[in-house]
Amino acid sequence: MLNGFEHKVRTSAGAFTGGGRKLMFHTTEGGSINGAISALDRYKSWSHFLISFEEKRKIQFLEVNQAAKSLANNANDGYQTNRANVIQIEIVGYARETQDWSKEKLDWIANICSEIRAAFDFPLTIIGDERLSDKAFVDYAGVCGHKNCPDNDHWDPGKLDVGYIVSKMGAVMPPVNQTGVFMLKNPRGVEVKVQTGTNGAGYKDVDLGQSGLFYSGFAWVGDSSKNLDCACKPLDGNLWRVSVEGAPGAYQISVNLTFAEKG
């Protein structure tokens, strides 16, 4: 559990099952943190974190290596929502009001997200208002909202200025006339197996079959990836080089990379 948070331990949905690493915003649709706790307990729909700017409180319910329970999930479609490598944070307030939240409040939220990111790394990329398909959601890596999740019909966090929040977390602002930071569309995941040598390093060149894609993050497949480093850089044409370092020797390492078109 993270330092600096109130710890109120609840039951998780189990271990993550894979996918791009994500942070998801929710709004509680209420005005107090105690009211939100009561609602989450009543419905057993706990997020990882619950925060209130007005009350200056930040609560952690679950470890960041366990799945939350805030999302609906269709158990029959073969895809996960809660367990798709997504850290979920509930913000006390109403989705209809988020577009009017002060810069002071957004700065406070960004600081908390940076604390979370230090324990669970995710790319500082964002998407628009679209609700993703099952596969696209699992593959996506970056920051999103409840409104982007399949199997769900909520629209929170409304018009929250996620672009501003990730810019305060260190993301590079886009060129003039763009309203978001690295707005993405049509994200897709590619699983790559990299063979490392006895020095623990290796790389593989991957042909994506499409030019102009934007690399937006990665997630390790399996449990053998602790303390490893991964990098991905474009080569000529459709080729990308995926590099892995830090393995204890010669191993085959699987990594799930997320690419998308710039929106």
Protein backbone atom coordinates (compact mmCIF):
# COMPACT_ATOMS: atom_id res chain seq x y z
CA MET A 1 0.00 0.00 0.00
CA LEU A 2 1.22 3.50 -0.82
CA ASN A 3 2.56 5.87 1.80
CA GLY A 4 0.54 9.01 2.47
CA PHE A 5 -2.86 7.40 1.84
CA GLU A 6 -5.48 6.28 4.32
CA HIS A 7 -5.65 2.50 4.04
CA LYS A 8 -9.09 0.90 4.15
CA VAL A 9 -8.49 -2.61 2.84
CA ARG A 10 -11.25 -4.19 0.78
CA THR A 11 -11.63 -7.27 -1.46
CA SER A 12 -10.21 -7.21 -4.99
CA ALA A 13 -11.44 -8.85 -8.21
CA GLY A 14 -8.26 -10.93 -8.31
CA ALA A 15 -5.00 -10.60 -10.18
CA PHE A 16 -4.65 -8.68 -13.43
CA THR A 17 -4.84 -10.85 -16.54
CA GLY A 18 -2.84 -8.65 -18.92
CA GLY A 19 -3.23 -5.80 -21.37
CA GLY A 20 -1.87 -2.29 -21.64
CA ARG A 21 -1.25 -0.51 -18.35
CA LYS A 22 -4.00 2.03 -17.69
CA LEU A 23 -5.20 4.61 -15.19
CA MET A 24 -8.97 5.18 -15.20
CA PHE A 25 -10.88 8.13 -13.74
CA HIS A 26 -14.33 7.84 -12.20
CA THR A 27 -16.50 10.43 -10.46
CA THR A 28 -18.51 9.37 -7.42
CA GLU A 29 -21.62 11.38 -8.36
CA GLY A 30 -21.77 12.60 -4.79
CA GLY A 31 -20.40 15.36 -2.60
CA SER A 32 -18.58 13.64 0.25
CA ILE A 33 -15.93 11.01 0.70
CA ASN A 34 -17.84 9.24 3.48
CA GLY A 35 -20.89 9.02 1.25
CA ALA A 36 -18.73 7.51 -1.47
CA ILE A 37 -17.28 4.94 0.91
CA SER A 38 -20.79 3.91 1.95
CA ALA A 39 -21.87 3.53 -1.68
CA LEU A 40 -18.78 1.52 -2.65
CA ASP A 41 -19.25 -0.75 0.36
CA ARG A 42 -22.96 -1.18 -0.36
CA TYR A 43 -22.37 -2.27 -3.94
CA LYS A 44 -18.98 -3.93 -3.29
CA SER A 45 -17.65 -1.93 -6.23
CA TRP A 46 -14.34 -0.77 -4.79
CA SER A 47 -11.81 1.18 -6.80
CA HIS A 48 -8.12 1.24 -5.95
CA PHE A 49 -8.24 4.84 -4.80
CA LEU A 50 -10.83 7.38 -3.62
CA ILE A 51 -9.88 11.06 -3.32
CA SER A 52 -11.53 14.32 -2.33
CA PHE A 53 -9.93 17.68 -3.08
CA GLU A 54 -12.41 19.56 -0.91
CA GLU A 55 -11.74 17.33 2.11
CA LYS A 56 -8.04 16.86 1.26
CA ARG A 57 -8.35 13.11 1.76
CA LYS A 58 -6.95 10.26 -0.30
CA ILE A 59 -7.86 6.65 0.43
CA GLN A 60 -6.46 3.39 -0.91
CA PHE A 61 -8.63 0.25 -0.84
CA LEU A 62 -6.54 -2.21 -2.86
CA GLU A 63 -2.95 -3.02 -3.74
CA VAL A 64 -1.91 -1.85 -7.21
CA ASN A 65 -1.15 -5.41 -8.33
CA GLN A 66 -4.78 -6.46 -7.78
CA ALA A 67 -7.88 -5.65 -9.81
CA ALA A 68 -10.62 -3.31 -8.61
CA LYS A 69 -14.37 -3.96 -8.83
CA SER A 70 -15.72 -0.65 -10.15
CA LEU A 71 -16.49 -1.78 -13.70
CA ALA A 72 -19.21 -4.00 -15.11
CA ASN A 73 -17.77 -7.01 -16.92
CA ASN A 74 -19.40 -9.34 -19.43
CA ALA A 75 -18.10 -12.74 -18.37
CA ASN A 76 -19.21 -14.33 -21.65
CA ASP A 77 -17.23 -12.29 -24.22
CA GLY A 78 -13.75 -13.54 -23.30
CA TYR A 79 -12.42 -10.08 -22.39
CA GLN A 80 -11.77 -8.50 -19.02
CA THR A 81 -12.50 -4.96 -17.84
CA ASN A 82 -11.46 -4.68 -14.18
CA ARG A 83 -8.63 -7.17 -14.63
CA ALA A 84 -7.21 -5.59 -17.81
CA ASN A 85 -4.24 -3.88 -16.08
CA VAL A 86 -6.30 -0.85 -15.06
CA ILE A 87 -5.81 1.19 -11.89
CA GLN A 88 -9.08 2.89 -10.97
CA ILE A 89 -9.43 6.15 -9.08
CA GLU A 90 -12.72 7.61 -7.87
CA ILE A 91 -12.83 11.40 -7.49
CA VAL A 92 -15.51 12.87 -5.24
CA GLY A 93 -17.73 15.04 -7.41
CA TYR A 94 -20.09 15.04 -10.38
CA ALA A 95 -19.28 14.26 -14.02
CA ARG A 96 -21.43 17.20 -15.16
CA GLU A 97 -19.16 19.63 -13.26
CA THR A 98 -15.67 18.36 -14.08
CA GLN A 99 -15.15 20.78 -16.98
CA ASP A 100 -15.37 23.62 -14.46
CA TRP A 101 -12.93 22.24 -11.89
CA SER A 102 -10.20 24.70 -10.93
CA LYS A 103 -6.57 24.40 -11.98
CA GLU A 104 -5.74 24.06 -8.29
CA LYS A 105 -7.93 20.99 -8.07
CA LEU A 106 -6.54 19.51 -11.29
CA ASP A 107 -2.97 20.11 -10.04
CA TRP A 108 -3.83 18.27 -6.83
CA ILE A 109 -5.25 15.33 -8.81
CA ALA A 110 -2.15 15.27 -11.04
CA ASN A 111 0.14 15.07 -8.00
CA ILE A 112 -1.78 12.08 -6.68
CA CYS A 113 -1.71 10.40 -10.07
CA SER A 114 2.07 10.86 -10.14
CA GLU A 115 2.30 9.14 -6.76
CA ILE A 116 0.27 6.24 -8.14
CA ARG A 117 2.35 6.12 -11.32
CA ALA A 118 5.52 5.70 -9.26
CA ALA A 119 4.06 2.38 -8.04
CA PHE A 120 2.23 1.36 -11.23
CA ASP A 121 3.78 2.84 -14.36
CA PHE A 122 1.52 3.73 -17.29
CA PRO A 123 2.02 5.87 -20.42
CA LEU A 124 0.97 9.53 -20.35
CA THR A 125 -1.32 9.20 -23.33
CA ILE A 126 -5.03 9.97 -23.54
CA ILE A 127 -7.99 9.18 -25.77
CA GLY A 128 -11.22 10.97 -26.61
CA ASP A 129 -14.80 10.23 -25.60
CA GLU A 130 -15.29 7.04 -27.60
CA ARG A 131 -16.23 3.78 -25.92
CA LEU A 132 -13.63 1.24 -26.97
CA SER A 133 -14.26 -2.28 -28.22
CA ASP A 134 -13.40 -5.13 -25.86
CA LYS A 135 -10.04 -5.86 -27.47
CA ALA A 136 -9.12 -2.19 -27.95
CA PHE A 137 -9.76 -1.52 -24.27
CA VAL A 138 -7.62 -4.44 -23.13
CA ASP A 139 -4.80 -3.39 -25.48
CA TYR A 140 -4.95 0.33 -24.69
CA ALA A 141 -2.18 1.76 -22.50
CA GLY A 142 -2.54 5.22 -20.98
CA VAL A 143 -5.11 7.35 -19.16
CA CYS A 144 -8.82 6.92 -19.75
CA GLY A 145 -12.24 7.30 -18.15
CA HIS A 146 -15.14 5.07 -17.21
CA LYS A 147 -16.83 6.36 -20.38
CA ASN A 148 -14.20 4.60 -22.53
CA CYS A 149 -14.83 1.14 -21.08
CA PRO A 150 -16.85 -1.53 -22.94
CA ASP A 151 -19.62 -3.43 -21.10
CA ASN A 152 -20.40 -0.17 -19.25
CA ASP A 153 -22.82 2.71 -19.88
CA HIS A 154 -21.48 5.41 -17.53
CA TRP A 155 -20.12 8.66 -18.96
CA ASP A 156 -17.91 9.81 -16.11
CA PRO A 157 -15.64 11.65 -15.67
CA GLY A 158 -17.47 13.87 -18.17
CA LYS A 159 -15.35 16.64 -19.70
CA LEU A 160 -12.53 16.36 -17.15
CA ASP A 161 -9.42 18.04 -18.59
CA VAL A 162 -7.30 14.90 -18.68
CA GLY A 163 -4.88 16.54 -21.11
CA TYR A 164 -4.04 19.19 -18.53
CA ILE A 165 -3.62 16.57 -15.81
CA VAL A 166 -1.15 14.46 -17.77
CA SER A 167 0.74 17.59 -18.83
CA LYS A 168 1.27 18.38 -15.15
CA MET A 169 2.53 14.81 -14.74
CA GLY A 170 5.26 15.43 -17.31
CA ALA A 171 3.68 14.69 -20.68
CA VAL A 172 4.83 16.89 -23.56
CA MET A 173 2.09 19.19 -24.76
CA PRO A 174 1.06 18.72 -28.40
CA PRO A 175 1.44 21.25 -31.23
CA VAL A 176 -0.83 24.28 -31.42
CA ASN A 177 -4.49 23.64 -32.36
CA GLN A 178 -4.64 20.26 -30.61
CA THR A 179 -6.71 20.13 -27.45
CA GLY A 180 -5.30 16.94 -25.94
CA VAL A 181 -1.98 15.31 -25.27
CA PHE A 182 -1.27 12.55 -27.77
CA MET A 183 -4.89 11.98 -28.70
CA LEU A 184 -5.18 8.42 -29.96
CA LYS A 185 -7.55 6.41 -32.08
CA ASN A 186 -7.72 2.77 -33.11
CA PRO A 187 -5.30 1.43 -30.49
CA ARG A 188 -4.10 -2.14 -30.97
CA GLY A 189 -1.85 -4.48 -29.08
CA VAL A 190 1.02 -6.54 -30.44
CA GLU A 191 2.59 -9.32 -28.39
CA VAL A 192 6.32 -9.67 -29.08
CA LYS A 193 8.66 -12.40 -27.84
CA VAL A 194 12.23 -11.18 -27.34
CA GLN A 195 15.07 -13.65 -26.86
CA THR A 196 17.76 -12.31 -24.52
CA GLY A 197 21.37 -13.45 -24.54
CA THR A 198 23.52 -14.54 -21.64
CA ASN A 199 24.08 -10.84 -20.86
CA GLY A 200 20.35 -10.47 -20.19
CA ALA A 201 19.71 -8.18 -23.18
CA GLY A 202 18.12 -8.72 -26.56
CA TYR A 203 15.95 -7.15 -29.21
CA LYS A 204 13.53 -8.06 -31.97
CA ASP A 205 12.55 -6.06 -35.05
CA VAL A 206 8.81 -6.13 -35.69
CA ASP A 207 6.99 -5.24 -38.92
CA LEU A 208 3.63 -3.71 -38.00
CA GLY A 209 2.44 -3.60 -41.59
CA GLN A 210 1.42 0.04 -41.25
CA SER A 211 3.32 3.31 -41.13
CA GLY A 212 2.54 6.41 -39.09
CA LEU A 213 1.70 4.56 -35.89
CA PHE A 214 2.40 5.97 -32.43
CA TYR A 215 3.88 3.77 -29.71
CA SER A 216 1.95 4.35 -26.48
CA GLY A 217 3.27 1.86 -23.96
CA PHE A 218 3.81 -1.72 -22.97
CA ALA A 219 2.88 -4.35 -20.41
CA TRP A 220 4.78 -7.49 -19.55
CA VAL A 221 3.18 -10.85 -20.22
CA GLY A 222 3.63 -13.29 -17.35
CA ASP A 223 5.47 -12.91 -14.06
CA SER A 224 9.10 -13.09 -15.22
CA SER A 225 9.49 -9.40 -15.94
CA LYS A 226 10.39 -7.84 -12.59
CA ASN A 227 13.23 -5.34 -12.80
CA LEU A 228 13.41 -5.56 -16.60
CA ASP A 229 13.60 -2.57 -18.92
CA CYS A 230 11.81 -2.35 -22.27
CA ALA A 231 12.27 0.19 -25.07
CA CYS A 232 10.62 0.53 -28.45
CA LYS A 233 11.88 2.76 -31.25
CA PRO A 234 10.93 3.20 -34.93
CA LEU A 235 13.24 2.05 -37.70
CA ASP A 236 12.63 2.38 -41.42
CA GLY A 237 9.15 2.02 -42.88
CA ASN A 238 6.87 -0.16 -40.78
CA LEU A 239 9.67 -1.60 -38.62
CA TRP A 240 10.03 -1.07 -34.87
CA ARG A 241 12.83 -2.39 -32.65
CA VAL A 242 11.75 -3.82 -29.30
CA SER A 243 14.62 -4.07 -26.81
CA VAL A 244 14.73 -5.79 -23.43
CA GLU A 245 17.44 -5.48 -20.77
CA GLY A 246 17.94 -6.79 -17.26
CA ALA A 247 17.05 -10.46 -17.66
CA PRO A 248 19.07 -12.84 -15.44
CA GLY A 249 20.43 -14.60 -18.54
CA ALA A 250 19.16 -16.14 -21.76
CA TYR A 251 15.36 -16.07 -21.64
CA GLN A 252 12.41 -15.58 -23.96
CA ILE A 253 10.55 -12.53 -22.68
CA SER A 254 7.01 -11.70 -23.82
CA VAL A 255 5.81 -8.11 -23.88
CA ASN A 256 2.52 -6.60 -25.05
CA LEU A 257 3.06 -3.31 -26.93
CA THR A 258 0.32 -0.80 -27.70
CA PHE A 259 0.31 1.22 -30.92
CA ALA A 260 -2.30 3.63 -32.22
CA GLU A 261 -2.98 6.25 -34.84
CA LYS A 262 -2.79 9.87 -33.80
CA GLY A 263 -6.29 11.31 -33.63
